[in-house]
N, C-alpha and C. Protein backbone atom coordinates (compact mmCIF):
# COMPACT_ATOMS: atom_id res chain seq x y z
N MET A 1 -0.23 -1.01 1.27
CA MET A 1 -0.91 -1.85 2.22
C MET A 1 -1.84 -1.05 3.12
N VAL A 2 -1.60 0.23 3.22
CA VAL A 2 -2.44 1.07 4.07
C VAL A 2 -3.86 1.16 3.52
N ILE A 3 -4.02 0.98 2.23
CA ILE A 3 -5.34 1.00 1.62
C ILE A 3 -5.91 -0.41 1.52
N VAL A 4 -5.08 -1.35 1.14
CA VAL A 4 -5.54 -2.70 0.86
C VAL A 4 -5.99 -3.43 2.13
N LEU A 5 -5.21 -3.35 3.19
CA LEU A 5 -5.55 -4.10 4.40
C LEU A 5 -6.88 -3.70 5.03
N PRO A 6 -7.18 -2.41 5.21
CA PRO A 6 -8.50 -2.08 5.76
C PRO A 6 -9.65 -2.58 4.89
N GLN A 7 -9.49 -2.51 3.56
CA GLN A 7 -10.52 -3.04 2.68
C GLN A 7 -10.72 -4.53 2.92
N LYS A 8 -9.59 -5.24 3.03
CA LYS A 8 -9.66 -6.68 3.28
C LYS A 8 -10.33 -6.96 4.62
N PHE A 9 -9.96 -6.21 5.64
CA PHE A 9 -10.56 -6.41 6.96
C PHE A 9 -12.07 -6.19 6.92
N GLN A 10 -12.51 -5.20 6.15
CA GLN A 10 -13.94 -4.91 6.08
C GLN A 10 -14.70 -5.93 5.24
N VAL A 11 -14.15 -6.28 4.09
CA VAL A 11 -14.88 -7.17 3.18
C VAL A 11 -14.81 -8.62 3.63
N VAL A 12 -13.63 -9.11 3.91
CA VAL A 12 -13.46 -10.53 4.21
C VAL A 12 -13.77 -10.83 5.68
N SER A 13 -13.27 -10.00 6.59
CA SER A 13 -13.46 -10.27 8.02
C SER A 13 -14.73 -9.66 8.58
N GLY A 14 -15.35 -8.74 7.86
CA GLY A 14 -16.59 -8.13 8.32
C GLY A 14 -16.39 -7.05 9.37
N ASP A 15 -15.18 -6.51 9.48
CA ASP A 15 -14.90 -5.45 10.45
C ASP A 15 -15.56 -4.15 10.01
N ASN A 16 -15.89 -3.29 10.98
CA ASN A 16 -16.34 -1.95 10.62
C ASN A 16 -15.11 -1.10 10.33
N GLY A 17 -15.31 0.11 9.84
CA GLY A 17 -14.19 0.97 9.45
C GLY A 17 -13.26 1.29 10.60
N PHE A 18 -13.82 1.52 11.80
CA PHE A 18 -12.99 1.84 12.96
C PHE A 18 -12.09 0.66 13.32
N LYS A 19 -12.65 -0.53 13.38
CA LYS A 19 -11.85 -1.70 13.76
C LYS A 19 -10.79 -1.99 12.70
N ALA A 20 -11.12 -1.82 11.44
CA ALA A 20 -10.14 -2.04 10.37
C ALA A 20 -8.98 -1.05 10.50
N GLY A 21 -9.29 0.21 10.80
CA GLY A 21 -8.24 1.20 11.00
C GLY A 21 -7.40 0.91 12.23
N TYR A 22 -8.04 0.46 13.29
CA TYR A 22 -7.34 0.13 14.53
C TYR A 22 -6.36 -1.03 14.31
N ARG A 23 -6.77 -2.02 13.52
CA ARG A 23 -5.90 -3.16 13.24
C ARG A 23 -4.69 -2.75 12.41
N LEU A 24 -4.81 -1.66 11.70
CA LEU A 24 -3.73 -1.17 10.85
C LEU A 24 -2.73 -0.29 11.61
N LEU A 25 -3.08 0.09 12.82
CA LEU A 25 -2.27 1.03 13.59
C LEU A 25 -0.83 0.57 13.77
N ALA A 26 -0.62 -0.69 14.10
CA ALA A 26 0.75 -1.19 14.32
C ALA A 26 1.60 -1.06 13.06
N ILE A 27 1.01 -1.31 11.91
CA ILE A 27 1.77 -1.23 10.66
C ILE A 27 2.15 0.22 10.37
N THR A 28 1.21 1.15 10.53
CA THR A 28 1.53 2.54 10.24
C THR A 28 2.53 3.11 11.23
N MET A 29 2.51 2.64 12.46
CA MET A 29 3.52 3.09 13.43
C MET A 29 4.91 2.61 13.02
N SER A 30 4.99 1.42 12.44
CA SER A 30 6.30 0.90 12.02
C SER A 30 6.87 1.73 10.87
N PHE A 31 6.01 2.31 10.02
CA PHE A 31 6.50 3.18 8.95
C PHE A 31 7.23 4.39 9.53
N SER A 32 6.63 5.00 10.54
CA SER A 32 7.25 6.17 11.17
C SER A 32 8.56 5.80 11.85
N LEU A 33 8.56 4.69 12.55
CA LEU A 33 9.78 4.25 13.21
C LEU A 33 10.88 3.95 12.19
N GLY A 34 10.52 3.36 11.07
CA GLY A 34 11.50 3.10 10.02
C GLY A 34 12.09 4.37 9.44
N ALA A 35 11.27 5.39 9.26
CA ALA A 35 11.77 6.68 8.74
C ALA A 35 12.73 7.33 9.74
N ILE A 36 12.38 7.26 11.01
CA ILE A 36 13.26 7.82 12.05
C ILE A 36 14.58 7.06 12.09
N LEU A 37 14.52 5.74 12.07
CA LEU A 37 15.73 4.93 12.11
C LEU A 37 16.61 5.19 10.89
N SER A 38 15.99 5.33 9.72
CA SER A 38 16.75 5.62 8.50
C SER A 38 17.48 6.95 8.62
N SER A 39 16.81 7.96 9.15
CA SER A 39 17.45 9.27 9.32
C SER A 39 18.61 9.19 10.31
N ILE A 40 18.43 8.47 11.40
CA ILE A 40 19.49 8.34 12.41
C ILE A 40 20.69 7.61 11.83
N LEU A 41 20.45 6.52 11.11
CA LEU A 41 21.56 5.78 10.51
C LEU A 41 22.30 6.62 9.49
N THR A 42 21.56 7.40 8.72
CA THR A 42 22.21 8.25 7.72
C THR A 42 23.09 9.30 8.38
N GLU A 43 22.59 9.92 9.43
CA GLU A 43 23.33 11.00 10.07
C GLU A 43 24.47 10.49 10.95
N LYS A 44 24.20 9.54 11.81
CA LYS A 44 25.18 9.11 12.82
C LYS A 44 26.20 8.10 12.30
N LYS A 45 25.73 7.15 11.51
CA LYS A 45 26.59 6.05 11.08
C LYS A 45 27.10 6.19 9.65
N GLY A 46 26.54 7.13 8.91
CA GLY A 46 26.95 7.30 7.53
C GLY A 46 26.45 6.19 6.62
N ILE A 47 25.42 5.46 7.06
CA ILE A 47 24.85 4.39 6.24
C ILE A 47 23.73 5.00 5.42
N PRO A 48 23.89 5.05 4.11
CA PRO A 48 22.84 5.66 3.29
C PRO A 48 21.64 4.73 3.14
N PRO A 49 20.42 5.28 3.11
CA PRO A 49 19.26 4.46 2.79
C PRO A 49 19.40 3.87 1.39
N PHE A 50 18.59 2.91 1.07
CA PHE A 50 18.68 2.20 -0.20
C PHE A 50 18.74 3.14 -1.39
N LEU A 51 17.90 4.13 -1.41
CA LEU A 51 17.87 5.04 -2.55
C LEU A 51 19.05 6.01 -2.57
N HIS A 52 19.79 6.11 -1.49
CA HIS A 52 20.96 6.98 -1.48
C HIS A 52 22.13 6.39 -2.26
N ILE A 53 22.07 5.13 -2.57
CA ILE A 53 23.14 4.49 -3.32
C ILE A 53 23.18 5.03 -4.74
N HIS A 54 22.02 5.41 -5.27
CA HIS A 54 21.93 5.90 -6.64
C HIS A 54 22.28 7.38 -6.71
N HIS A 55 22.70 7.81 -7.89
CA HIS A 55 22.99 9.23 -8.10
C HIS A 55 21.69 10.02 -8.10
N CYS A 56 21.77 11.24 -7.61
CA CYS A 56 20.65 12.16 -7.75
C CYS A 56 21.20 13.56 -7.90
N GLU A 57 20.38 14.45 -8.41
CA GLU A 57 20.84 15.79 -8.75
C GLU A 57 20.78 16.69 -7.52
N LEU A 58 21.93 16.95 -6.92
CA LEU A 58 22.06 17.83 -5.76
C LEU A 58 23.34 18.64 -5.89
N PRO A 59 23.39 19.84 -5.34
CA PRO A 59 24.66 20.56 -5.31
C PRO A 59 25.66 19.79 -4.47
N PRO A 60 26.93 19.89 -4.61
CA PRO A 60 27.66 20.86 -5.40
C PRO A 60 27.86 20.46 -6.85
N GLY A 61 27.61 19.25 -7.28
CA GLY A 61 27.78 18.86 -8.67
C GLY A 61 26.49 18.32 -9.23
N PRO A 62 26.39 18.22 -10.55
CA PRO A 62 25.14 17.77 -11.15
C PRO A 62 24.82 16.30 -10.86
N ARG A 63 25.79 15.46 -10.55
CA ARG A 63 25.52 14.04 -10.31
C ARG A 63 26.17 13.59 -9.00
N SER A 64 26.02 14.37 -7.95
CA SER A 64 26.65 14.06 -6.66
C SER A 64 25.96 12.87 -6.00
N ARG A 65 26.74 12.11 -5.26
CA ARG A 65 26.18 11.01 -4.47
C ARG A 65 25.75 11.60 -3.13
N PRO A 66 24.50 11.34 -2.69
CA PRO A 66 23.99 11.98 -1.49
C PRO A 66 24.84 11.74 -0.25
N HIS A 67 25.42 10.55 -0.07
CA HIS A 67 26.19 10.31 1.15
C HIS A 67 27.57 10.95 1.10
N ASP A 68 27.96 11.52 -0.05
CA ASP A 68 29.22 12.25 -0.15
C ASP A 68 29.04 13.76 0.07
N LEU A 69 27.80 14.19 0.25
CA LEU A 69 27.51 15.61 0.38
C LEU A 69 27.71 16.09 1.80
N PRO A 70 27.90 17.37 1.98
CA PRO A 70 27.98 17.92 3.34
C PRO A 70 26.68 17.65 4.10
N LEU A 71 26.75 17.73 5.42
CA LEU A 71 25.63 17.39 6.27
C LEU A 71 24.38 18.19 5.95
N ASN A 72 24.51 19.44 5.54
CA ASN A 72 23.32 20.24 5.27
C ASN A 72 22.53 19.74 4.06
N HIS A 73 23.09 18.86 3.25
CA HIS A 73 22.37 18.29 2.10
C HIS A 73 21.75 16.94 2.42
N THR A 74 22.05 16.39 3.59
CA THR A 74 21.50 15.09 3.96
C THR A 74 19.98 15.14 4.04
N ALA A 75 19.43 16.17 4.64
CA ALA A 75 17.98 16.30 4.76
C ALA A 75 17.32 16.37 3.38
N GLU A 76 17.95 17.09 2.46
CA GLU A 76 17.39 17.19 1.12
C GLU A 76 17.41 15.84 0.41
N SER A 77 18.49 15.10 0.56
CA SER A 77 18.55 13.80 -0.10
C SER A 77 17.58 12.82 0.53
N LEU A 78 17.38 12.90 1.85
CA LEU A 78 16.37 12.05 2.50
C LEU A 78 14.97 12.40 2.00
N ALA A 79 14.71 13.68 1.83
CA ALA A 79 13.40 14.10 1.33
C ALA A 79 13.17 13.60 -0.09
N ARG A 80 14.21 13.67 -0.92
CA ARG A 80 14.08 13.16 -2.30
C ARG A 80 13.85 11.65 -2.30
N ALA A 81 14.54 10.93 -1.45
CA ALA A 81 14.34 9.49 -1.36
C ALA A 81 12.92 9.17 -0.89
N ALA A 82 12.42 9.93 0.08
CA ALA A 82 11.06 9.72 0.57
C ALA A 82 10.03 10.00 -0.53
N ARG A 83 10.26 11.06 -1.30
CA ARG A 83 9.34 11.36 -2.41
C ARG A 83 9.36 10.25 -3.45
N ALA A 84 10.53 9.73 -3.75
CA ALA A 84 10.63 8.65 -4.74
C ALA A 84 9.90 7.40 -4.24
N ARG A 85 10.07 7.08 -2.96
CA ARG A 85 9.37 5.92 -2.40
C ARG A 85 7.87 6.12 -2.43
N THR A 86 7.42 7.34 -2.10
CA THR A 86 5.99 7.63 -2.11
C THR A 86 5.42 7.53 -3.51
N LEU A 87 6.11 8.08 -4.48
CA LEU A 87 5.65 8.01 -5.86
C LEU A 87 5.57 6.55 -6.32
N GLY A 88 6.61 5.79 -6.06
CA GLY A 88 6.60 4.37 -6.44
C GLY A 88 5.49 3.60 -5.77
N GLY A 89 5.28 3.87 -4.49
CA GLY A 89 4.21 3.19 -3.76
C GLY A 89 2.84 3.56 -4.28
N THR A 90 2.65 4.84 -4.60
CA THR A 90 1.37 5.29 -5.12
C THR A 90 1.07 4.66 -6.47
N LEU A 91 2.06 4.63 -7.33
CA LEU A 91 1.85 4.00 -8.65
C LEU A 91 1.57 2.51 -8.50
N GLY A 92 2.32 1.84 -7.63
CA GLY A 92 2.12 0.41 -7.42
C GLY A 92 0.74 0.10 -6.89
N ILE A 93 0.29 0.88 -5.92
CA ILE A 93 -1.04 0.65 -5.34
C ILE A 93 -2.13 0.91 -6.36
N SER A 94 -1.99 1.98 -7.15
CA SER A 94 -3.04 2.27 -8.13
C SER A 94 -3.12 1.18 -9.20
N ILE A 95 -1.99 0.68 -9.64
CA ILE A 95 -1.99 -0.39 -10.63
C ILE A 95 -2.60 -1.66 -10.04
N CYS A 96 -2.15 -2.03 -8.85
CA CYS A 96 -2.67 -3.25 -8.22
C CYS A 96 -4.15 -3.13 -7.88
N THR A 97 -4.61 -1.95 -7.46
CA THR A 97 -6.03 -1.77 -7.15
C THR A 97 -6.88 -1.90 -8.40
N ASN A 98 -6.42 -1.34 -9.51
CA ASN A 98 -7.17 -1.48 -10.76
C ASN A 98 -7.23 -2.93 -11.21
N LEU A 99 -6.11 -3.63 -11.10
CA LEU A 99 -6.11 -5.05 -11.46
C LEU A 99 -7.01 -5.86 -10.52
N LEU A 100 -6.95 -5.54 -9.22
CA LEU A 100 -7.80 -6.22 -8.25
C LEU A 100 -9.27 -6.03 -8.60
N ASN A 101 -9.67 -4.78 -8.86
CA ASN A 101 -11.07 -4.51 -9.21
C ASN A 101 -11.48 -5.24 -10.48
N LYS A 102 -10.60 -5.26 -11.47
CA LYS A 102 -10.92 -5.95 -12.72
C LYS A 102 -11.14 -7.44 -12.48
N HIS A 103 -10.26 -8.06 -11.71
CA HIS A 103 -10.39 -9.49 -11.44
C HIS A 103 -11.60 -9.79 -10.57
N ILE A 104 -11.87 -8.94 -9.59
CA ILE A 104 -13.03 -9.15 -8.72
C ILE A 104 -14.32 -9.01 -9.52
N ILE A 105 -14.41 -8.01 -10.37
CA ILE A 105 -15.62 -7.82 -11.17
C ILE A 105 -15.86 -9.03 -12.07
N GLU A 106 -14.80 -9.51 -12.71
CA GLU A 106 -14.95 -10.69 -13.57
C GLU A 106 -15.43 -11.90 -12.78
N ALA A 107 -14.88 -12.11 -11.60
CA ALA A 107 -15.28 -13.26 -10.78
C ALA A 107 -16.69 -13.09 -10.22
N LEU A 108 -17.06 -11.87 -9.85
CA LEU A 108 -18.38 -11.63 -9.27
C LEU A 108 -19.50 -11.71 -10.30
N LYS A 109 -19.18 -11.50 -11.58
CA LYS A 109 -20.20 -11.59 -12.63
C LYS A 109 -20.85 -12.96 -12.67
N LYS A 110 -20.15 -13.96 -12.17
CA LYS A 110 -20.68 -15.33 -12.17
C LYS A 110 -21.74 -15.55 -11.09
N VAL A 111 -21.75 -14.69 -10.04
CA VAL A 111 -22.68 -14.93 -8.93
C VAL A 111 -23.58 -13.74 -8.60
N LEU A 112 -23.28 -12.54 -9.11
CA LEU A 112 -24.05 -11.35 -8.78
C LEU A 112 -24.54 -10.62 -10.03
N SER A 113 -25.61 -9.87 -9.86
CA SER A 113 -26.11 -9.03 -10.95
C SER A 113 -25.24 -7.78 -11.06
N PRO A 114 -25.30 -7.07 -12.20
CA PRO A 114 -24.52 -5.84 -12.34
C PRO A 114 -24.86 -4.79 -11.26
N GLN A 115 -26.13 -4.70 -10.85
CA GLN A 115 -26.51 -3.76 -9.80
C GLN A 115 -25.88 -4.14 -8.46
N GLN A 116 -25.85 -5.44 -8.16
CA GLN A 116 -25.24 -5.90 -6.91
C GLN A 116 -23.73 -5.64 -6.92
N ILE A 117 -23.10 -5.87 -8.06
CA ILE A 117 -21.65 -5.62 -8.17
C ILE A 117 -21.37 -4.13 -7.98
N SER A 118 -22.16 -3.28 -8.60
CA SER A 118 -21.97 -1.84 -8.46
C SER A 118 -22.12 -1.41 -7.01
N GLY A 119 -23.12 -1.91 -6.33
CA GLY A 119 -23.32 -1.58 -4.92
C GLY A 119 -22.19 -2.09 -4.05
N LEU A 120 -21.73 -3.29 -4.33
CA LEU A 120 -20.65 -3.90 -3.54
C LEU A 120 -19.34 -3.14 -3.73
N LEU A 121 -19.06 -2.69 -4.95
CA LEU A 121 -17.84 -1.92 -5.19
C LEU A 121 -17.91 -0.55 -4.53
N GLY A 122 -19.13 -0.05 -4.31
CA GLY A 122 -19.30 1.24 -3.66
C GLY A 122 -19.15 1.18 -2.15
N SER A 123 -19.55 0.05 -1.55
CA SER A 123 -19.49 -0.06 -0.09
C SER A 123 -19.47 -1.54 0.31
N ALA A 124 -18.62 -1.85 1.27
CA ALA A 124 -18.54 -3.23 1.76
C ALA A 124 -19.79 -3.64 2.53
N ARG A 125 -20.61 -2.68 2.91
CA ARG A 125 -21.83 -2.99 3.66
C ARG A 125 -22.83 -3.82 2.86
N TRP A 126 -22.71 -3.78 1.54
CA TRP A 126 -23.62 -4.54 0.69
C TRP A 126 -23.50 -6.03 0.92
N ILE A 127 -22.39 -6.49 1.40
CA ILE A 127 -22.19 -7.92 1.63
C ILE A 127 -23.21 -8.44 2.64
N ALA A 128 -23.52 -7.65 3.65
CA ALA A 128 -24.47 -8.08 4.68
C ALA A 128 -25.87 -8.31 4.11
N ALA A 129 -26.21 -7.63 3.02
CA ALA A 129 -27.54 -7.77 2.42
C ALA A 129 -27.66 -9.01 1.53
N LEU A 130 -26.57 -9.67 1.25
CA LEU A 130 -26.61 -10.85 0.37
C LEU A 130 -27.04 -12.09 1.14
N PRO A 131 -27.67 -13.04 0.45
CA PRO A 131 -27.98 -14.32 1.11
C PRO A 131 -26.68 -15.01 1.57
N GLU A 132 -26.78 -15.80 2.62
CA GLU A 132 -25.59 -16.39 3.25
C GLU A 132 -24.72 -17.18 2.27
N GLU A 133 -25.33 -18.00 1.41
CA GLU A 133 -24.53 -18.81 0.48
C GLU A 133 -23.80 -17.94 -0.54
N VAL A 134 -24.45 -16.87 -1.01
CA VAL A 134 -23.81 -15.95 -1.94
C VAL A 134 -22.74 -15.14 -1.21
N ARG A 135 -23.03 -14.72 0.02
CA ARG A 135 -22.07 -13.94 0.82
C ARG A 135 -20.77 -14.71 1.01
N SER A 136 -20.85 -16.01 1.30
CA SER A 136 -19.63 -16.79 1.49
C SER A 136 -18.82 -16.91 0.20
N VAL A 137 -19.50 -17.02 -0.93
CA VAL A 137 -18.80 -17.07 -2.22
C VAL A 137 -18.12 -15.73 -2.50
N VAL A 138 -18.81 -14.62 -2.24
CA VAL A 138 -18.25 -13.29 -2.47
C VAL A 138 -17.04 -13.07 -1.57
N LYS A 139 -17.13 -13.44 -0.31
CA LYS A 139 -16.00 -13.29 0.61
C LYS A 139 -14.81 -14.13 0.15
N ARG A 140 -15.08 -15.33 -0.34
CA ARG A 140 -14.00 -16.19 -0.84
C ARG A 140 -13.33 -15.56 -2.05
N ILE A 141 -14.13 -14.99 -2.96
CA ILE A 141 -13.57 -14.32 -4.15
C ILE A 141 -12.68 -13.17 -3.72
N TYR A 142 -13.18 -12.34 -2.82
CA TYR A 142 -12.38 -11.21 -2.33
C TYR A 142 -11.11 -11.70 -1.63
N ALA A 143 -11.23 -12.71 -0.79
CA ALA A 143 -10.06 -13.22 -0.06
C ALA A 143 -8.99 -13.72 -1.02
N GLU A 144 -9.40 -14.46 -2.05
CA GLU A 144 -8.43 -14.96 -3.03
C GLU A 144 -7.76 -13.82 -3.79
N GLU A 145 -8.54 -12.82 -4.19
CA GLU A 145 -7.98 -11.70 -4.94
C GLU A 145 -7.07 -10.84 -4.07
N TYR A 146 -7.44 -10.63 -2.80
CA TYR A 146 -6.56 -9.88 -1.89
C TYR A 146 -5.26 -10.64 -1.65
N ARG A 147 -5.36 -11.96 -1.55
CA ARG A 147 -4.15 -12.77 -1.38
C ARG A 147 -3.23 -12.62 -2.58
N ASP A 148 -3.79 -12.72 -3.78
CA ASP A 148 -2.98 -12.56 -4.99
C ASP A 148 -2.38 -11.17 -5.08
N GLN A 149 -3.14 -10.14 -4.66
CA GLN A 149 -2.62 -8.78 -4.69
C GLN A 149 -1.46 -8.63 -3.69
N ALA A 150 -1.61 -9.21 -2.50
CA ALA A 150 -0.54 -9.12 -1.50
C ALA A 150 0.72 -9.82 -1.99
N ILE A 151 0.58 -10.94 -2.67
CA ILE A 151 1.74 -11.64 -3.23
C ILE A 151 2.40 -10.77 -4.29
N THR A 152 1.61 -10.14 -5.14
CA THR A 152 2.15 -9.28 -6.19
C THR A 152 2.87 -8.07 -5.59
N LEU A 153 2.26 -7.42 -4.60
CA LEU A 153 2.89 -6.26 -3.98
C LEU A 153 4.16 -6.65 -3.25
N THR A 154 4.18 -7.82 -2.64
CA THR A 154 5.38 -8.29 -1.94
C THR A 154 6.51 -8.58 -2.94
N ALA A 155 6.15 -9.13 -4.08
CA ALA A 155 7.15 -9.45 -5.10
C ALA A 155 7.76 -8.19 -5.71
N CYS A 156 6.98 -7.11 -5.75
CA CYS A 156 7.50 -5.86 -6.31
C CYS A 156 8.40 -5.23 -5.31
């Protein structure tokens, strides 16, 4: 969502890059707070994060459960869980972004020339150069595709 939302804010809402990033600030702050809370719960309450439920390869045994390990291994298991979440998120975003671009290009072919599509995919500023009636159609196409992408990412 850190990539998708600013794009949506720029293309559909017409925000500049600074305003789109500013609107995203609350969401990115919640990520940090969630990581801190997860670490505190793991250490103080013994509640493992979601990925700690699964086996992972850590000493002292080849298939130890992270919440059964001594305290000095908790940081390592948290780091492994964070890496797994990051990898999954990166793969999910790349797949969804490619699908989004494919669907947007197909929909835009009905109203824009190949040169206009190329320029628009390169920068959201191209929307301002379009005639008003075409601009509203392009914004609607983007809004629908971003909505479908958000539903897909939420379902995953």
